[in-house]
């Protein structure tokens, strides 16, 4: 049994993870962080509080699954590194500086940092890169993402990851990404990769990559209809990362995809 601690256990994603961990035959919910009244924390049935460090000390944890915020995840990574506990991060919205902070912690512990832990969406990300390499510069590339009205960061971490792998596959850089269009913008630059955002309702997550060619269009889409898929992927990552050597990993490592060269 892998002793697992969850952060934000009473939130929407945290509640999903709590249920899935309890259902898993090889994982044990050993602790949780959450903000709430004493009776809410007691109902979790495990060491719980708003300080991850204290929870880790009480829980004898082997791995932490963290779906909170980029700012909180930086602190959580530091606390895990101090105690030698593996970490899976599903938070999004990382600045380059925050990502560098997590990488520093990963020098001491194994960390999986993934903008999206769904197995399906990570397969789509890999397929998008393969399509881009095969199609080449003869197609205009656009990324469209949609999420619920409560999501705070835009574009989504998954959309940014898609844009990153598409740019890499096509030999392009950050300067070729366009995140908004308005007014008299002129003709579309040939190397541009557009990344567009929709927000509304209770959409769990939708991502589509469009390849627009002359006389044809290719669409590659992933639609999440339940948070369970993120949770199941996170559990898969937790199993994989426990006992690994220190380093900063992603879902491509978890799924056994070859590293890009």
Protein backbone atom coordinates (compact mmCIF):
# COMPACT_ATOMS: atom_id res chain seq x y z
CA UNK A 1 0.00 0.00 0.00
CA UNK A 2 1.38 3.38 -1.02
CA UNK A 3 0.76 5.93 1.73
CA UNK A 4 -0.73 8.92 -0.08
CA UNK A 5 -1.43 12.47 1.06
CA UNK A 6 -3.82 14.76 -0.83
CA UNK A 7 -3.76 18.55 -0.82
CA UNK A 8 -6.98 20.53 -1.05
CA UNK A 9 -8.93 17.40 -0.19
CA UNK A 10 -12.30 19.12 0.23
CA UNK A 11 -12.22 20.92 -3.15
CA UNK A 12 -13.78 19.58 -6.34
CA UNK A 13 -10.68 17.79 -7.56
CA UNK A 14 -9.60 16.90 -4.04
CA UNK A 15 -12.91 15.18 -3.30
CA UNK A 16 -12.61 13.18 -6.53
CA UNK A 17 -9.07 12.11 -5.64
CA UNK A 18 -10.08 11.21 -2.10
CA UNK A 19 -12.76 8.84 -3.42
CA UNK A 20 -10.46 7.29 -6.01
CA UNK A 21 -7.61 6.74 -3.55
CA UNK A 22 -9.96 5.04 -1.10
CA UNK A 23 -11.23 2.79 -3.91
CA UNK A 24 -7.74 1.85 -5.13
CA UNK A 25 -6.50 -1.54 -3.85
CA UNK A 26 -2.85 -0.45 -3.72
CA UNK A 27 -3.15 3.09 -2.30
CA UNK A 28 -3.90 4.24 1.24
CA UNK A 29 -5.15 7.72 2.11
CA UNK A 30 -2.72 8.62 4.87
CA UNK A 31 -3.33 12.35 5.25
CA UNK A 32 -4.83 15.44 3.70
CA UNK A 33 -4.65 19.19 3.69
CA UNK A 34 -7.83 21.21 3.61
CA UNK A 35 -9.30 24.43 4.87
CA UNK A 36 -12.45 23.93 6.87
CA UNK A 37 -14.04 23.53 10.23
CA UNK A 38 -12.70 20.99 12.67
CA UNK A 39 -15.60 18.60 12.04
CA UNK A 40 -14.97 18.70 8.28
CA UNK A 41 -11.33 17.78 8.76
CA UNK A 42 -12.22 15.06 11.27
CA UNK A 43 -14.64 13.53 8.75
CA UNK A 44 -11.69 12.75 6.48
CA UNK A 45 -10.58 10.16 9.00
CA UNK A 46 -6.86 10.86 8.52
CA UNK A 47 -4.34 13.43 9.79
CA UNK A 48 -5.55 16.69 8.26
CA UNK A 49 -4.94 20.42 8.51
CA UNK A 50 -3.87 23.45 6.51
CA UNK A 51 -0.10 22.84 6.90
CA UNK A 52 1.26 20.15 4.58
CA UNK A 53 4.50 19.85 6.54
CA UNK A 54 2.69 18.88 9.73
CA UNK A 55 0.44 16.46 7.88
CA UNK A 56 3.45 14.78 6.25
CA UNK A 57 5.16 14.37 9.61
CA UNK A 58 2.06 12.67 11.02
CA UNK A 59 1.15 10.60 7.97
CA UNK A 60 4.50 8.93 7.15
CA UNK A 61 3.65 9.65 3.52
CA UNK A 62 5.35 8.17 0.47
CA UNK A 63 3.73 10.41 -2.11
CA UNK A 64 1.68 13.63 -2.27
CA UNK A 65 -0.87 14.40 -4.99
CA UNK A 66 -1.28 18.15 -5.33
CA UNK A 67 -4.06 19.89 -7.29
CA UNK A 68 -4.11 23.36 -5.73
CA UNK A 69 -2.48 26.40 -7.34
CA UNK A 70 0.93 27.14 -8.78
CA UNK A 71 1.78 29.34 -5.80
CA UNK A 72 0.78 26.69 -3.26
CA UNK A 73 2.46 23.90 -5.22
CA UNK A 74 5.82 25.66 -5.04
CA UNK A 75 5.56 25.64 -1.24
CA UNK A 76 4.33 22.05 -1.19
CA UNK A 77 7.25 20.93 -3.37
CA UNK A 78 9.67 22.52 -0.93
CA UNK A 79 8.00 20.81 2.04
CA UNK A 80 8.08 17.43 0.28
CA UNK A 81 11.75 17.89 -0.60
CA UNK A 82 12.61 18.60 3.03
CA UNK A 83 11.03 15.25 4.00
CA UNK A 84 11.98 13.08 1.02
CA UNK A 85 8.39 12.55 -0.16
CA UNK A 86 7.59 12.05 -3.86
CA UNK A 87 5.17 14.51 -5.45
CA UNK A 88 2.63 14.63 -8.28
CA UNK A 89 1.57 18.16 -9.26
CA UNK A 90 -1.54 18.73 -11.36
CA UNK A 91 -1.78 22.48 -10.71
CA UNK A 92 -1.56 24.91 -13.62
CA UNK A 93 -0.65 28.55 -14.16
CA UNK A 94 3.09 28.25 -13.43
CA UNK A 95 5.34 31.16 -14.27
CA UNK A 96 8.87 30.33 -15.44
CA UNK A 97 10.11 31.37 -11.98
CA UNK A 98 7.64 29.10 -10.18
CA UNK A 99 8.51 26.18 -12.44
CA UNK A 100 12.20 26.78 -11.67
CA UNK A 101 11.38 26.62 -7.94
CA UNK A 102 9.71 23.23 -8.42
CA UNK A 103 12.73 22.05 -10.44
CA UNK A 104 14.99 22.97 -7.53
CA UNK A 105 12.91 20.81 -5.21
CA UNK A 106 13.06 18.02 -7.80
CA UNK A 107 16.83 17.86 -7.30
CA UNK A 108 16.03 16.12 -3.98
CA UNK A 109 12.84 14.16 -4.76
CA UNK A 110 11.01 12.74 -7.79
CA UNK A 111 8.32 15.16 -9.02
CA UNK A 112 5.77 14.63 -11.79
CA UNK A 113 4.66 18.06 -13.02
CA UNK A 114 1.78 17.79 -15.47
CA UNK A 115 -0.70 20.42 -16.68
CA UNK A 116 -3.14 17.59 -17.36
CA UNK A 117 -2.94 14.10 -15.85
CA UNK A 118 -5.59 12.53 -18.11
CA UNK A 119 -4.05 9.61 -19.99
CA UNK A 120 -6.23 10.36 -23.01
CA UNK A 121 -5.23 14.00 -23.33
CA UNK A 122 -1.56 13.11 -23.06
CA UNK A 123 -1.96 10.66 -25.92
CA UNK A 124 -3.60 13.50 -27.90
CA UNK A 125 -0.66 15.79 -27.12
CA UNK A 126 1.73 13.20 -28.51
CA UNK A 127 -0.44 12.62 -31.59
CA UNK A 128 -0.61 16.38 -32.21
CA UNK A 129 3.17 16.57 -32.33
CA UNK A 130 3.35 13.63 -34.74
CA UNK A 131 0.73 15.19 -37.02
CA UNK A 132 2.58 18.50 -37.04
CA UNK A 133 5.83 16.82 -38.01
CA UNK A 134 4.18 14.90 -40.87
CA UNK A 135 2.07 17.81 -42.18
CA UNK A 136 4.81 20.40 -41.88
CA UNK A 137 4.52 24.06 -42.84
CA UNK A 138 1.74 23.58 -45.39
CA UNK A 139 -0.96 23.76 -42.71
CA UNK A 140 -2.08 26.58 -40.41
CA UNK A 141 -2.23 25.41 -36.79
CA UNK A 142 -4.72 26.59 -34.17
CA UNK A 143 -5.46 25.41 -30.60
CA UNK A 144 -8.88 25.99 -29.02
CA UNK A 145 -9.65 25.21 -25.38
CA UNK A 146 -12.84 25.48 -23.29
CA UNK A 147 -13.31 25.21 -19.52
CA UNK A 148 -15.87 26.01 -16.83
CA UNK A 149 -16.48 29.58 -15.73
CA UNK A 150 -14.55 29.13 -12.44
CA UNK A 151 -11.16 28.37 -14.03
CA UNK A 152 -8.75 31.16 -13.14
CA UNK A 153 -5.85 30.77 -15.59
CA UNK A 154 -6.00 31.20 -19.35
CA UNK A 155 -5.07 29.67 -21.65
CA UNK A 156 -5.21 26.32 -19.88
CA UNK A 157 -1.99 24.56 -19.01
CA UNK A 158 -2.94 21.82 -21.46
CA UNK A 159 -3.42 24.33 -24.29
CA UNK A 160 -0.03 25.84 -23.51
CA UNK A 161 1.53 22.35 -23.51
CA UNK A 162 -0.09 21.63 -26.88
CA UNK A 163 1.26 24.90 -28.27
CA UNK A 164 4.71 24.09 -26.91
CA UNK A 165 4.91 20.63 -28.50
CA UNK A 166 3.44 21.88 -31.77
CA UNK A 167 5.98 24.70 -31.95
CA UNK A 168 8.80 22.27 -31.19
CA UNK A 169 7.61 19.80 -33.82
CA UNK A 170 7.44 22.60 -36.42
CA UNK A 171 10.74 24.24 -35.48
CA UNK A 172 9.05 27.39 -34.17
CA UNK A 173 9.40 29.43 -30.99
CA UNK A 174 7.45 31.34 -28.37
CA UNK A 175 7.38 34.37 -30.66
CA UNK A 176 5.17 32.44 -33.10
CA UNK A 177 2.36 31.91 -30.56
CA UNK A 178 -0.65 34.24 -30.72
CA UNK A 179 -3.05 34.32 -27.76
CA UNK A 180 -5.54 36.97 -28.91
CA UNK A 181 -6.74 38.66 -32.08
CA UNK A 182 -8.65 41.92 -32.35
CA UNK A 183 -9.05 44.68 -34.89
CA UNK A 184 -7.10 45.15 -38.12
CA UNK A 185 -4.51 42.44 -37.59
CA UNK A 186 -3.55 41.83 -41.21
CA UNK A 187 -2.99 38.51 -42.95
CA UNK A 188 -2.14 35.49 -40.81
CA UNK A 189 1.65 34.96 -40.56
CA UNK A 190 2.63 31.61 -42.04
CA UNK A 191 4.35 30.37 -38.88
CA UNK A 192 1.71 31.57 -36.43
CA UNK A 193 0.17 29.12 -33.94
CA UNK A 194 -3.05 30.53 -32.49
CA UNK A 195 -4.19 29.63 -28.98
CA UNK A 196 -7.77 30.62 -28.16
CA UNK A 197 -9.78 30.39 -24.93
CA UNK A 198 -13.45 29.82 -24.12
CA UNK A 199 -14.96 29.97 -20.61
CA UNK A 200 -18.48 29.10 -19.51
CA UNK A 201 -20.85 26.80 -17.70
CA UNK A 202 -19.53 23.59 -16.15
CA UNK A 203 -17.25 22.42 -18.98
CA UNK A 204 -14.70 20.05 -17.44
CA UNK A 205 -12.21 20.52 -20.25
CA UNK A 206 -12.11 20.47 -24.05
CA UNK A 207 -9.10 20.87 -26.33
CA UNK A 208 -8.98 20.82 -30.13
CA UNK A 209 -6.01 21.23 -32.46
CA UNK A 210 -6.91 22.38 -35.96
CA UNK A 211 -4.66 21.84 -38.97
CA UNK A 212 -6.03 24.00 -41.80
CA UNK A 213 -4.75 23.10 -45.26
CA UNK A 214 -5.75 23.96 -48.81
CA UNK A 215 -9.01 22.12 -49.43
CA UNK A 216 -9.02 20.16 -46.17
CA UNK A 217 -9.04 20.49 -42.39
CA UNK A 218 -7.86 18.03 -39.74
CA UNK A 219 -9.19 18.25 -36.19
CA UNK A 220 -7.80 16.42 -33.17
CA UNK A 221 -10.06 16.73 -30.11
CA UNK A 222 -10.14 15.58 -26.50
CA UNK A 223 -13.22 16.18 -24.35
CA UNK A 224 -13.23 15.42 -20.64
CA UNK A 225 -16.70 14.74 -19.25
CA UNK A 226 -15.61 13.82 -15.72
CA UNK A 227 -12.82 14.76 -13.33
CA UNK A 228 -12.30 11.06 -12.71
CA UNK A 229 -9.99 10.87 -15.74
CA UNK A 230 -7.66 13.46 -14.23
CA UNK A 231 -7.77 11.61 -10.93
CA UNK A 232 -7.09 8.19 -12.41
CA UNK A 233 -4.13 9.60 -14.32
CA UNK A 234 -2.82 11.24 -11.16
CA UNK A 235 -3.05 7.92 -9.31
CA UNK A 236 -1.14 6.26 -12.15
CA UNK A 237 1.52 8.96 -11.81
CA UNK A 238 1.65 8.48 -8.03
CA UNK A 239 2.29 4.77 -8.42
CA UNK A 240 4.98 5.44 -11.03
CA UNK A 241 6.84 8.19 -9.18
CA UNK A 242 7.01 6.49 -5.78
CA UNK A 243 10.55 5.21 -5.29
CA UNK A 244 11.96 6.90 -8.42
CA UNK A 245 15.26 8.74 -8.43
CA UNK A 246 15.00 12.52 -7.92
CA UNK A 247 14.14 14.53 -11.00
CA UNK A 248 11.46 16.54 -12.75
CA UNK A 249 9.19 14.27 -14.78
CA UNK A 250 5.96 14.65 -16.75
CA UNK A 251 3.14 12.40 -17.93
CA UNK A 252 5.13 11.39 -21.01
CA UNK A 253 7.57 9.71 -18.60
CA UNK A 254 4.73 8.10 -16.65
CA UNK A 255 3.22 6.69 -19.86
CA UNK A 256 6.56 5.51 -21.23
CA UNK A 257 6.69 7.81 -24.25
CA UNK A 258 10.19 8.28 -25.71
CA UNK A 259 11.80 11.59 -24.89
CA UNK A 260 11.81 14.06 -27.76
CA UNK A 261 15.20 14.45 -29.41
